[in-house]
PDB file of N, CA and C in Angstrom:
ATOM      1  N   UNK A   1      23.048 -18.683  26.306  1.00  0.00           N
ATOM      2  CA  UNK A   1      24.549 -18.571  26.824  1.00  0.00           C
ATOM      3  C   UNK A   1      25.287 -18.715  25.505  1.00  0.00           C
ATOM      4  N   UNK A   2      26.531 -17.240  25.874  1.00  0.00           N
ATOM      5  CA  UNK A   2      27.778 -17.527  25.142  1.00  0.00           C
ATOM      6  C   UNK A   2      28.692 -18.230  25.986  1.00  0.00           C
ATOM      7  N   UNK A   3      29.837 -18.771  25.778  1.00  0.00           N
ATOM      8  CA  UNK A   3      30.976 -19.017  26.581  1.00  0.00           C
ATOM      9  C   UNK A   3      32.116 -18.237  25.487  1.00  0.00           C
ATOM     10  N   UNK A   4      32.453 -17.073  25.570  1.00  0.00           N
ATOM     11  CA  UNK A   4      33.490 -16.622  24.486  1.00  0.00           C
ATOM     12  C   UNK A   4      34.563 -17.004  25.199  1.00  0.00           C
ATOM     13  N   UNK A   5      36.047 -17.200  24.323  1.00  0.00           N
ATOM     14  CA  UNK A   5      37.186 -17.087  24.622  1.00  0.00           C
ATOM     15  C   UNK A   5      37.489 -15.860  25.312  1.00  0.00           C
ATOM     16  N   UNK A   6      37.950 -16.153  26.592  1.00  0.00           N
ATOM     17  CA  UNK A   6      38.922 -14.529  26.970  1.00  0.00           C
ATOM     18  C   UNK A   6      39.789 -14.389  27.503  1.00  0.00           C
ATOM     19  N   UNK A   7      39.957 -12.800  27.687  1.00  0.00           N
ATOM     20  CA  UNK A   7      41.586 -12.335  27.778  1.00  0.00           C
ATOM     21  C   UNK A   7      41.574 -12.376  29.477  1.00  0.00           C
ATOM     22  N   UNK A   8      43.049 -11.448  29.244  1.00  0.00           N
ATOM     23  CA  UNK A   8      42.976 -10.366  30.657  1.00  0.00           C
ATOM     24  C   UNK A   8      42.310  -9.727  31.079  1.00  0.00           C
ATOM     25  N   UNK A   9      42.410  -9.339  32.502  1.00  0.00           N
ATOM     26  CA  UNK A   9      41.107  -7.683  33.123  1.00  0.00           C
ATOM     27  C   UNK A   9      39.666  -8.426  32.863  1.00  0.00           C
ATOM     28  N   UNK A  10      39.337  -9.898  32.654  1.00  0.00           N
ATOM     29  CA  UNK A  10      38.003  -9.581  32.327  1.00  0.00           C
ATOM     30  C   UNK A  10      37.254  -9.207  30.876  1.00  0.00           C
ATOM     31  N   UNK A  11      38.080  -9.553  29.923  1.00  0.00           N
ATOM     32  CA  UNK A  11      38.034  -8.914  28.835  1.00  0.00           C
ATOM     33  C   UNK A  11      37.226  -9.980  27.768  1.00  0.00           C
ATOM     34  N   UNK A  12      36.277  -9.931  27.079  1.00  0.00           N
ATOM     35  CA  UNK A  12      35.767 -11.159  26.333  1.00  0.00           C
ATOM     36  C   UNK A  12      37.185 -11.052  25.376  1.00  0.00           C
ATOM     37  N   UNK A  13      36.632 -12.253  24.454  1.00  0.00           N
ATOM     38  CA  UNK A  13      37.475 -12.109  23.079  1.00  0.00           C
ATOM     39  C   UNK A  13      37.957 -11.073  21.887  1.00  0.00           C
ATOM     40  N   UNK A  14      37.128  -9.754  21.872  1.00  0.00           N
ATOM     41  CA  UNK A  14      37.083  -8.568  21.384  1.00  0.00           C
ATOM     42  C   UNK A  14      37.793  -7.575  22.388  1.00  0.00           C
ATOM     43  N   UNK A  15      38.129  -7.769  23.077  1.00  0.00           N
ATOM     44  CA  UNK A  15      39.026  -7.007  24.167  1.00  0.00           C
ATOM     45  C   UNK A  15      37.833  -5.637  24.910  1.00  0.00           C
ATOM     46  N   UNK A  16      36.719  -6.438  24.974  1.00  0.00           N
ATOM     47  CA  UNK A  16      35.574  -5.464  25.345  1.00  0.00           C
ATOM     48  C   UNK A  16      35.002  -6.077  26.378  1.00  0.00           C
ATOM     49  N   UNK A  17      35.126  -5.603  28.147  1.00  0.00           N
ATOM     50  CA  UNK A  17      34.321  -6.153  29.140  1.00  0.00           C
ATOM     51  C   UNK A  17      33.083  -6.171  29.099  1.00  0.00           C
ATOM     52  N   UNK A  18      31.889  -7.078  29.586  1.00  0.00           N
ATOM     53  CA  UNK A  18      30.418  -6.963  29.437  1.00  0.00           C
ATOM     54  C   UNK A  18      29.502  -5.582  30.336  1.00  0.00           C
ATOM     55  N   UNK A  19      28.941  -5.610  29.958  1.00  0.00           N
ATOM     56  CA  UNK A  19      28.182  -3.876  30.335  1.00  0.00           C
ATOM     57  C   UNK A  19      28.303  -3.932  31.637  1.00  0.00           C
ATOM     58  N   UNK A  20      28.492  -2.834  32.642  1.00  0.00           N
ATOM     59  CA  UNK A  20      28.178  -2.215  33.864  1.00  0.00           C
ATOM     60  C   UNK A  20      27.287  -3.216  34.646  1.00  0.00           C
ATOM     61  N   UNK A  21      27.089  -3.698  35.848  1.00  0.00           N
ATOM     62  CA  UNK A  21      26.087  -4.519  36.516  1.00  0.00           C
ATOM     63  C   UNK A  21      25.551  -5.584  35.794  1.00  0.00           C
ATOM     64  N   UNK A  22      26.039  -5.859  34.522  1.00  0.00           N
ATOM     65  CA  UNK A  22      26.042  -7.774  34.171  1.00  0.00           C
ATOM     66  C   UNK A  22      25.963  -8.464  34.889  1.00  0.00           C
ATOM     67  N   UNK A  23      25.790 -10.024  35.430  1.00  0.00           N
ATOM     68  CA  UNK A  23      25.908 -10.574  35.796  1.00  0.00           C
ATOM     69  C   UNK A  23      26.694 -11.826  34.922  1.00  0.00           C
ATOM     70  N   UNK A  24      28.267 -12.089  35.122  1.00  0.00           N
ATOM     71  CA  UNK A  24      28.753 -13.265  34.580  1.00  0.00           C
ATOM     72  C   UNK A  24      29.827 -13.991  35.564  1.00  0.00           C
ATOM     73  N   UNK A  25      30.104 -15.374  35.015  1.00  0.00           N
ATOM     74  CA  UNK A  25      31.165 -15.869  35.793  1.00  0.00           C
ATOM     75  C   UNK A  25      32.574 -15.675  35.226  1.00  0.00           C
ATOM     76  N   UNK A  26      33.006 -15.416  36.173  1.00  0.00           N
ATOM     77  CA  UNK A  26      34.745 -14.839  35.662  1.00  0.00           C
ATOM     78  C   UNK A  26      35.507 -15.922  36.328  1.00  0.00           C
ATOM     79  N   UNK A  27      36.765 -16.050  35.826  1.00  0.00           N
ATOM     80  CA  UNK A  27      37.939 -16.947  36.601  1.00  0.00           C
ATOM     81  C   UNK A  27      38.536 -16.042  37.021  1.00  0.00           C
ATOM     82  N   UNK A  28      38.828 -16.213  38.579  1.00  0.00           N
ATOM     83  CA  UNK A  28      40.104 -15.333  39.342  1.00  0.00           C
ATOM     84  C   UNK A  28      41.080 -16.180  39.625  1.00  0.00           C
ATOM     85  N   UNK A  29      41.882 -15.618  39.776  1.00  0.00           N
ATOM     86  CA  UNK A  29      42.719 -16.765  39.821  1.00  0.00           C
ATOM     87  C   UNK A  29      43.412 -17.898  40.644  1.00  0.00           C
ATOM     88  N   UNK A  30      42.434 -18.316  41.669  1.00  0.00           N
ATOM     89  CA  UNK A  30      42.790 -19.899  42.229  1.00  0.00           C
ATOM     90  C   UNK A  30      41.121 -20.182  42.109  1.00  0.00           C
ATOM     91  N   UNK A  31      40.483 -19.409  42.165  1.00  0.00           N
ATOM     92  CA  UNK A  31      38.669 -19.726  41.842  1.00  0.00           C
ATOM     93  C   UNK A  31      37.454 -19.228  40.673  1.00  0.00           C
ATOM     94  N   UNK A  32      36.649 -20.101  40.125  1.00  0.00           N
ATOM     95  CA  UNK A  32      35.619 -18.990  40.006  1.00  0.00           C
ATOM     96  C   UNK A  32      34.459 -18.574  40.228  1.00  0.00           C
ATOM     97  N   UNK A  33      33.475 -17.595  40.422  1.00  0.00           N
ATOM     98  CA  UNK A  33      32.665 -16.918  40.813  1.00  0.00           C
ATOM     99  C   UNK A  33      31.888 -16.049  39.764  1.00  0.00           C
ATOM    100  N   UNK A  34      30.504 -15.900  39.941  1.00  0.00           N
ATOM    101  CA  UNK A  34      29.776 -14.774  39.723  1.00  0.00           C
ATOM    102  C   UNK A  34      29.969 -13.414  40.136  1.00  0.00           C
ATOM    103  N   UNK A  35      29.975 -12.245  39.145  1.00  0.00           N
ATOM    104  CA  UNK A  35      30.614 -10.782  39.457  1.00  0.00           C
ATOM    105  C   UNK A  35      29.917 -10.193  38.415  1.00  0.00           C
ATOM    106  N   UNK A  36      30.017  -8.943  38.960  1.00  0.00           N
ATOM    107  CA  UNK A  36      29.550  -7.674  37.868  1.00  0.00           C
ATOM    108  C   UNK A  36      30.442  -6.787  38.053  1.00  0.00           C
ATOM    109  N   UNK A  37      30.751  -5.942  37.250  1.00  0.00           N
ATOM    110  CA  UNK A  37      31.160  -5.152  37.214  1.00  0.00           C
ATOM    111  C   UNK A  37      30.663  -3.688  37.727  1.00  0.00           C
ATOM    112  N   UNK A  38      31.076  -2.720  38.185  1.00  0.00           N
ATOM    113  CA  UNK A  38      30.432  -1.882  38.745  1.00  0.00           C
ATOM    114  C   UNK A  38      30.618  -0.407  37.660  1.00  0.00           C
ATOM    115  N   UNK A  39      30.335   0.502  38.457  1.00  0.00           N
ATOM    116  CA  UNK A  39      30.209   1.789  37.352  1.00  0.00           C
ATOM    117  C   UNK A  39      31.951   2.195  37.146  1.00  0.00           C
ATOM    118  N   UNK A  40      32.616   1.725  38.256  1.00  0.00           N
ATOM    119  CA  UNK A  40      33.779   2.525  38.062  1.00  0.00           C
ATOM    120  C   UNK A  40      35.296   1.190  37.357  1.00  0.00           C
ATOM    121  N   UNK A  41      34.407   0.279  36.643  1.00  0.00           N
ATOM    122  CA  UNK A  41      34.938  -0.698  36.331  1.00  0.00           C
ATOM    123  C   UNK A  41      35.309  -2.046  37.017  1.00  0.00           C
ATOM    124  N   UNK A  42      35.265  -1.493  38.387  1.00  0.00           N
ATOM    125  CA  UNK A  42      35.906  -2.576  39.391  1.00  0.00           C
ATOM    126  C   UNK A  42      34.799  -3.974  39.327  1.00  0.00           C
ATOM    127  N   UNK A  43      35.387  -4.911  39.505  1.00  0.00           N
ATOM    128  CA  UNK A  43      34.868  -6.244  39.849  1.00  0.00           C
ATOM    129  C   UNK A  43      34.437  -6.696  41.003  1.00  0.00           C
ATOM    130  N   UNK A  44      32.533  -7.012  41.192  1.00  0.00           N
ATOM    131  CA  UNK A  44      32.570  -7.039  42.890  1.00  0.00           C
ATOM    132  C   UNK A  44      31.596  -8.679  42.368  1.00  0.00           C
ATOM    133  N   UNK A  45      31.807  -9.120  44.111  1.00  0.00           N
ATOM    134  CA  UNK A  45      31.033 -10.378  44.094  1.00  0.00           C
ATOM    135  C   UNK A  45      29.214  -9.658  44.102  1.00  0.00           C
ATOM    136  N   UNK A  46      28.343 -10.092  43.372  1.00  0.00           N
ATOM    137  CA  UNK A  46      26.859  -9.798  43.821  1.00  0.00           C
ATOM    138  C   UNK A  46      26.350  -9.930  44.669  1.00  0.00           C
ATOM    139  N   UNK A  47      27.137 -10.783  45.442  1.00  0.00           N
ATOM    140  CA  UNK A  47      26.531 -11.140  47.134  1.00  0.00           C
ATOM    141  C   UNK A  47      27.106  -9.977  48.400  1.00  0.00           C
ATOM    142  N   UNK A  48      28.187  -9.923  48.503  1.00  0.00           N
ATOM    143  CA  UNK A  48      28.744  -9.348  49.163  1.00  0.00           C
ATOM    144  C   UNK A  48      29.438  -7.717  48.586  1.00  0.00           C
ATOM    145  N   UNK A  49      29.083  -7.421  47.784  1.00  0.00           N
ATOM    146  CA  UNK A  49      29.388  -6.426  46.786  1.00  0.00           C
ATOM    147  C   UNK A  49      30.923  -6.042  47.054  1.00  0.00           C
ATOM    148  N   UNK A  50      31.937  -7.077  47.823  1.00  0.00           N
ATOM    149  CA  UNK A  50      33.077  -6.837  47.667  1.00  0.00           C
ATOM    150  C   UNK A  50      34.298  -6.625  46.702  1.00  0.00           C
ATOM    151  N   UNK A  51      34.751  -6.181  46.326  1.00  0.00           N
ATOM    152  CA  UNK A  51      35.459  -6.109  45.780  1.00  0.00           C
ATOM    153  C   UNK A  51      36.591  -7.478  45.408  1.00  0.00           C
ATOM    154  N   UNK A  52      37.118  -7.900  43.764  1.00  0.00           N
ATOM    155  CA  UNK A  52      37.339  -8.830  43.446  1.00  0.00           C
ATOM    156  C   UNK A  52      38.818  -8.307  42.667  1.00  0.00           C
ATOM    157  N   UNK A  53      39.539  -9.217  42.778  1.00  0.00           N
ATOM    158  CA  UNK A  53      41.219  -8.768  42.485  1.00  0.00           C
ATOM    159  C   UNK A  53      41.408  -9.783  41.610  1.00  0.00           C
ATOM    160  N   UNK A  54      42.379  -9.645  40.867  1.00  0.00           N
ATOM    161  CA  UNK A  54      43.019 -10.874  39.862  1.00  0.00           C
ATOM    162  C   UNK A  54      41.897 -12.112  38.623  1.00  0.00           C
ATOM    163  N   UNK A  55      40.735 -10.988  38.499  1.00  0.00           N
ATOM    164  CA  UNK A  55      39.813 -11.606  37.170  1.00  0.00           C
ATOM    165  C   UNK A  55      40.320 -11.440  36.242  1.00  0.00           C
ATOM    166  N   UNK A  56      40.686 -12.857  35.579  1.00  0.00           N
ATOM    167  CA  UNK A  56      41.433 -13.288  34.749  1.00  0.00           C
ATOM    168  C   UNK A  56      40.698 -13.176  33.312  1.00  0.00           C
ATOM    169  N   UNK A  57      39.436 -13.998  33.381  1.00  0.00           N
ATOM    170  CA  UNK A  57      38.903 -13.539  32.205  1.00  0.00           C
ATOM    171  C   UNK A  57      37.444 -13.721  32.871  1.00  0.00           C
ATOM    172  N   UNK A  58      36.834 -13.747  31.661  1.00  0.00           N
ATOM    173  CA  UNK A  58      34.862 -13.984  31.705  1.00  0.00           C
ATOM    174  C   UNK A  58      34.657 -15.318  31.418  1.00  0.00           C
ATOM    175  N   UNK A  59      34.348 -15.985  31.936  1.00  0.00           N
ATOM    176  CA  UNK A  59      34.215 -17.212  31.494  1.00  0.00           C
ATOM    177  C   UNK A  59      32.644 -17.551  30.516  1.00  0.00           C
ATOM    178  N   UNK A  60      32.034 -16.914  31.344  1.00  0.00           N
ATOM    179  CA  UNK A  60      30.619 -17.274  30.493  1.00  0.00           C
ATOM    180  C   UNK A  60      29.657 -15.620  30.874  1.00  0.00           C
ATOM    181  N   UNK A  61      28.900 -15.160  29.975  1.00  0.00           N
ATOM    182  CA  UNK A  61      28.109 -14.590  30.430  1.00  0.00           C
ATOM    183  C   UNK A  61      26.894 -14.787  29.120  1.00  0.00           C
ATOM    184  N   UNK A  62      25.646 -13.615  29.064  1.00  0.00           N
ATOM    185  CA  UNK A  62      24.295 -14.026  28.348  1.00  0.00           C
ATOM    186  C   UNK A  62      24.864 -12.672  27.455  1.00  0.00           C
ATOM    187  N   UNK A  63      24.836 -12.522  26.240  1.00  0.00           N
ATOM    188  CA  UNK A  63      25.106 -11.391  25.565  1.00  0.00           C
ATOM    189  C   UNK A  63      23.609 -11.221  24.368  1.00  0.00           C
ATOM    190  N   UNK A  64      22.409 -11.567  25.062  1.00  0.00           N
ATOM    191  CA  UNK A  64      21.450 -10.936  24.151  1.00  0.00           C
ATOM    192  C   UNK A  64      21.453  -9.812  24.050  1.00  0.00           C
TER     193      UNK A  64
END
């Protein structure tokens, strides 16, 4: 597992978000949770598929 330093909008330090449908740990405005980006680039909960707003950064993802 890697823990990349991250920047706004869920991007990693290189300015590139994780691939579509890849499960990652994200920091939102008031909490952390698992999430994935859908094919439209929106962050979603893997359990409810509800859109997550205010994803600040990617905390952890496996970049095999």
